[in-house]
Protein backbone atom coordinates (compact mmCIF):
# COMPACT_ATOMS: atom_id res chain seq x y z
CA MET A 1 -6.20 -48.29 -24.26
CA VAL A 2 -6.13 -49.36 -28.09
CA ILE A 3 -8.19 -46.46 -28.97
CA ARG A 4 -5.53 -43.90 -26.79
CA MET A 5 -2.80 -45.44 -28.97
CA VAL A 6 -4.81 -45.06 -32.55
CA GLY A 7 -4.72 -41.08 -31.13
CA ILE A 8 -1.75 -40.86 -30.90
CA LEU A 9 -0.32 -42.78 -34.50
CA PHE A 10 -3.35 -40.31 -36.02
CA SER A 11 -1.80 -36.90 -34.35
CA ILE A 12 1.91 -37.66 -35.34
CA ALA A 13 0.14 -38.08 -38.87
CA PHE A 14 -1.14 -35.24 -38.02
CA VAL A 15 1.82 -33.06 -36.83
CA LEU A 16 3.80 -34.39 -40.33
CA TRP A 17 0.67 -33.38 -42.69
CA VAL A 18 0.80 -30.11 -40.77
CA HIS A 19 4.98 -29.81 -41.32
CA VAL A 20 4.81 -30.34 -44.91
CA GLY A 21 6.26 -26.89 -46.65
CA GLU A 22 7.57 -23.70 -45.81
CA TYR A 23 6.50 -21.63 -42.19
CA PRO A 24 5.88 -18.10 -42.12
CA VAL A 25 8.01 -15.46 -40.92
CA VAL A 26 7.98 -15.15 -37.08
CA LEU A 27 5.69 -12.78 -35.44
CA VAL A 28 8.01 -12.14 -32.57
CA PRO A 29 11.83 -10.79 -33.61
CA PRO A 30 14.46 -11.76 -31.35
CA ARG A 31 15.37 -9.59 -28.03
CA ASN A 32 18.23 -10.31 -25.59
CA PRO A 33 18.10 -13.88 -25.13
CA ARG A 34 18.88 -13.65 -21.48
CA ARG A 35 15.65 -11.74 -20.94
CA GLU A 36 13.53 -14.58 -23.50
CA TRP A 37 14.86 -17.28 -21.07
CA THR A 38 14.30 -15.12 -17.53
CA GLU A 39 10.51 -14.18 -19.24
CA ILE A 40 10.12 -18.39 -19.76
CA VAL A 41 11.33 -19.81 -16.86
CA LEU A 42 8.64 -17.28 -15.24
CA LEU A 43 6.30 -18.66 -17.40
CA ILE A 44 6.75 -21.60 -16.43
CA GLY A 45 7.51 -21.60 -12.57
CA GLY A 46 4.07 -19.88 -12.32
CA LEU A 47 2.65 -22.62 -13.94
CA LEU A 48 3.69 -25.30 -11.58
CA LEU A 49 3.01 -22.64 -8.64
CA VAL A 50 -0.45 -21.87 -8.77
CA PRO A 51 -2.46 -25.82 -8.99
CA HIS A 52 -1.20 -24.85 -5.11
CA ILE A 53 -3.07 -21.57 -4.98
CA GLU A 54 -6.94 -21.84 -3.69
CA ILE A 55 -8.86 -18.51 -5.21
CA PRO A 56 -12.18 -19.09 -5.54
CA LEU A 57 -13.63 -17.60 -8.45
CA PHE A 58 -16.94 -17.49 -10.43
CA TRP A 59 -18.20 -21.24 -9.99
CA PHE A 60 -14.64 -22.46 -10.30
CA PRO A 61 -13.34 -24.42 -8.00
CA ALA A 62 -10.25 -25.29 -6.08
CA TRP A 63 -6.78 -23.65 -7.77
CA LEU A 64 -9.24 -23.31 -11.55
CA GLY A 65 -9.65 -20.10 -10.36
CA ALA A 66 -5.82 -19.53 -9.81
CA TYR A 67 -5.16 -21.06 -13.38
CA ILE A 68 -7.92 -18.33 -14.79
CA LEU A 69 -6.16 -15.17 -12.80
CA TYR A 70 -2.43 -16.30 -13.62
CA GLY A 71 -3.41 -16.53 -16.92
CA LEU A 72 -5.08 -13.22 -17.52
CA GLY A 73 -2.67 -11.59 -15.22
CA ALA A 74 0.32 -13.62 -17.53
CA ILE A 75 -1.52 -12.46 -20.80
CA VAL A 76 -1.00 -8.62 -19.60
CA ILE A 77 2.49 -8.40 -17.83
CA LEU A 78 4.26 -10.68 -19.84
CA GLY A 79 2.40 -10.46 -23.22
CA LEU A 80 1.38 -6.48 -23.41
CA VAL A 81 3.31 -4.93 -20.35
CA VAL A 82 6.82 -6.32 -20.47
CA GLY A 83 6.78 -8.05 -23.65
CA ARG A 84 5.01 -4.68 -25.71
CA ARG A 85 3.20 -7.32 -27.93
CA THR A 86 0.83 -6.78 -29.68
CA LEU A 87 -2.85 -8.67 -30.01
CA LEU A 88 -1.26 -9.66 -33.63
CA GLN A 89 2.06 -10.65 -31.83
CA LEU A 90 0.22 -13.13 -29.49
CA GLY A 91 -1.78 -14.95 -32.23
CA LEU A 92 -4.72 -12.29 -32.35
CA ALA A 93 -5.14 -12.53 -36.30
CA LEU A 94 -7.60 -14.49 -38.94
CA PRO A 95 -4.95 -17.83 -39.83
CA LYS A 96 -3.24 -17.17 -42.44
CA ASP A 97 -2.93 -20.96 -44.29
CA ARG A 98 -5.95 -22.04 -46.45
CA ARG A 99 -3.65 -25.46 -46.15
CA VAL A 100 -3.56 -26.07 -43.13
CA MET A 101 -6.98 -24.95 -42.68
CA GLY A 102 -8.12 -27.58 -44.02
CA CYS A 103 -6.26 -30.14 -42.33
CA VAL A 104 -7.71 -28.62 -39.50
CA LEU A 105 -11.03 -28.83 -40.25
CA TRP A 106 -9.79 -33.40 -40.99
CA ILE A 107 -7.80 -33.28 -37.46
CA MET A 108 -11.41 -32.35 -35.56
CA GLY A 109 -13.66 -34.50 -37.83
CA MET A 110 -11.48 -37.49 -36.50
CA ILE A 111 -11.33 -36.35 -33.29
CA ALA A 112 -15.02 -36.08 -32.85
CA LEU A 113 -15.47 -39.69 -34.27
CA SER A 114 -13.28 -40.23 -31.76
CA LYS A 115 -15.08 -39.40 -29.30
CA ILE A 116 -18.52 -40.87 -30.06
CA VAL A 117 -16.10 -44.06 -30.29
CA ASP A 118 -14.90 -43.61 -27.03
CA PRO A 119 -16.70 -40.75 -24.84
CA LEU A 120 -14.14 -41.44 -21.69
CA GLN A 121 -10.71 -41.08 -22.87
CA ILE A 122 -8.88 -39.31 -20.47
CA ALA A 123 -11.31 -37.90 -17.70
CA ALA A 124 -14.15 -39.29 -16.14
CA GLY A 125 -16.92 -38.51 -18.13
CA HIS A 126 -19.14 -35.42 -19.82
CA TYR A 127 -19.56 -32.13 -18.73
CA MET A 128 -23.04 -31.82 -18.46
CA ALA A 129 -23.68 -28.46 -17.07
CA VAL A 130 -23.58 -25.76 -19.07
CA ARG A 131 -21.19 -23.61 -17.24
CA ARG A 132 -18.80 -26.88 -17.19
CA SER A 133 -19.63 -26.94 -20.77
CA LEU A 134 -18.23 -23.32 -21.45
CA ALA A 135 -15.18 -23.50 -19.28
CA ALA A 136 -14.11 -26.56 -20.51
CA VAL A 137 -14.63 -25.78 -24.24
CA VAL A 138 -14.65 -22.11 -24.60
CA ILE A 139 -12.40 -20.56 -21.33
CA PHE A 140 -9.41 -22.52 -20.76
CA PRO A 141 -8.63 -24.03 -24.65
CA LEU A 142 -8.37 -20.07 -25.07
CA LEU A 143 -6.30 -19.04 -21.97
CA GLU A 144 -4.29 -22.01 -22.83
CA GLU A 145 -3.15 -21.90 -26.36
CA THR A 146 -2.57 -17.98 -25.48
CA ILE A 147 -0.44 -18.88 -22.43
CA PHE A 148 1.12 -22.10 -24.39
CA ARG A 149 1.02 -20.48 -27.69
CA GLY A 150 1.35 -16.62 -27.65
CA LEU A 151 3.05 -16.07 -24.32
CA LEU A 152 5.70 -19.32 -24.89
CA GLN A 153 6.10 -20.36 -28.47
CA THR A 154 7.16 -17.33 -30.07
CA ARG A 155 9.19 -17.22 -27.02
CA LEU A 156 11.20 -20.32 -28.16
CA GLU A 157 10.85 -19.50 -30.86
CA ALA A 158 12.81 -16.67 -31.14
CA LEU A 159 15.56 -18.88 -29.56
CA VAL A 160 15.40 -22.11 -31.01
CA GLY A 161 13.54 -21.71 -34.28
CA THR A 162 10.16 -22.84 -35.99
CA VAL A 163 10.14 -26.38 -35.58
CA ARG A 164 12.49 -26.79 -32.04
CA SER A 165 10.19 -24.05 -30.75
CA TRP A 166 6.30 -26.01 -31.63
CA MET A 167 8.03 -29.40 -30.48
CA VAL A 168 9.42 -28.23 -26.80
CA THR A 169 5.89 -26.51 -26.40
CA GLY A 170 4.29 -29.59 -27.07
CA VAL A 171 6.22 -31.54 -24.72
CA ILE A 172 6.19 -28.93 -22.21
CA PHE A 173 2.32 -28.28 -21.95
CA GLY A 174 2.38 -32.63 -22.21
CA VAL A 175 4.22 -32.56 -18.73
CA TYR A 176 2.35 -30.32 -17.87
CA HIS A 177 -1.17 -31.57 -18.40
CA TYR A 178 0.32 -34.96 -16.61
CA TYR A 179 1.22 -32.85 -13.44
CA ILE A 180 -1.64 -31.63 -12.60
CA ASN A 181 -3.94 -34.43 -13.71
CA HIS A 182 -1.70 -37.52 -12.60
CA LEU A 183 0.87 -36.00 -10.58
CA LEU A 184 0.05 -33.64 -8.30
CA PRO A 185 -3.13 -35.88 -7.19
CA ALA A 186 -0.49 -38.99 -6.59
CA ARG A 187 -2.13 -41.22 -8.97
CA ALA A 188 -0.42 -44.73 -9.66
CA VAL A 189 2.08 -44.82 -12.28
CA THR A 190 -0.03 -47.11 -14.95
CA SER A 191 0.10 -47.85 -18.84
CA GLU A 192 -3.10 -46.13 -19.35
CA GLY A 193 -1.92 -42.96 -17.68
CA LEU A 194 1.87 -42.72 -19.32
CA LEU A 195 -0.41 -43.32 -22.70
CA SER A 196 -2.24 -40.17 -21.70
CA LEU A 197 0.63 -38.22 -21.04
CA VAL A 198 2.46 -39.50 -24.85
CA TYR A 199 -1.14 -38.41 -26.13
CA LEU A 200 -0.94 -34.99 -24.47
CA VAL A 201 2.81 -34.02 -25.83
CA VAL A 202 1.61 -35.13 -29.45
CA LEU A 203 -1.42 -33.24 -28.79
CA GLY A 204 0.31 -30.13 -28.11
CA MET A 205 2.99 -30.84 -31.31
CA LEU A 206 0.32 -30.00 -33.03
CA LEU A 207 -0.97 -27.54 -31.92
CA GLY A 208 2.05 -25.88 -32.03
CA ALA A 209 2.58 -26.58 -35.58
CA ILE A 210 -0.57 -25.61 -36.45
CA PHE A 211 -0.17 -22.00 -34.69
CA ALA A 212 3.00 -22.16 -36.25
CA LYS A 213 1.92 -22.90 -39.58
CA THR A 214 -1.04 -19.80 -39.68
CA ARG A 215 0.19 -17.71 -37.23
CA SER A 216 -3.48 -17.13 -35.66
CA LEU A 217 -5.05 -19.03 -32.28
CA LEU A 218 -7.92 -20.08 -33.11
CA PRO A 219 -7.01 -22.93 -35.58
CA PRO A 220 -5.28 -24.42 -32.12
CA PHE A 221 -8.48 -22.59 -30.50
CA LEU A 222 -10.71 -25.38 -32.04
CA VAL A 223 -9.05 -28.59 -32.43
CA HIS A 224 -8.25 -28.25 -28.18
CA ALA A 225 -11.93 -27.07 -27.72
CA ILE A 226 -13.08 -30.08 -29.85
CA ASN A 227 -10.68 -32.19 -27.72
CA ASN A 228 -11.68 -31.36 -24.29
CA ILE A 229 -15.58 -31.61 -25.04
CA SER A 230 -15.60 -35.41 -23.39
CA LEU A 231 -13.40 -34.35 -20.73
């Protein structure tokens, strides 16, 4: 619990560090607000629904196959087809802010250190199998960064501004992971679980702030991936 509280404090400090200075211009120009809100509601509604669907996919059990298919479908439909966004607008570009990239390296180092000190922070232990490691460190971080940052945050940015967009997206990111990891399995509400919720919200805000400053999915993906190493 102490390690989790320290992680929260360090994450808040890194959020403030990343936030310093001006933000680049928005990736996606504002469109019809009603359309933006509709697509946001559809995106979040799909995320809430998908854990209740089981679609076996390769080695992914239970609902994770449906999660991957939904994510890919959302990227294609809401990103490329309906949203008419380029890969650049989705964040598939090189980072722009070198200062923030230096901050990202510090963040990755601190997270790596925390894994050495307490390797069982949120879940049950290390993924030893190669396929499970690939999923936890590559597939899901990349998929989730594209969904939460490339699709959701960019839409919110056009409606509520850059800073509010990564704050709101961070809350959604944290609450969603608490939803799938604690609420759906009907786990008892504990102080440790609530601390995990706070940590996930702050982590989501940090990832969003990094994306807003660099306009690239690569830096938040790297932070997300190293955070998942011991999950």
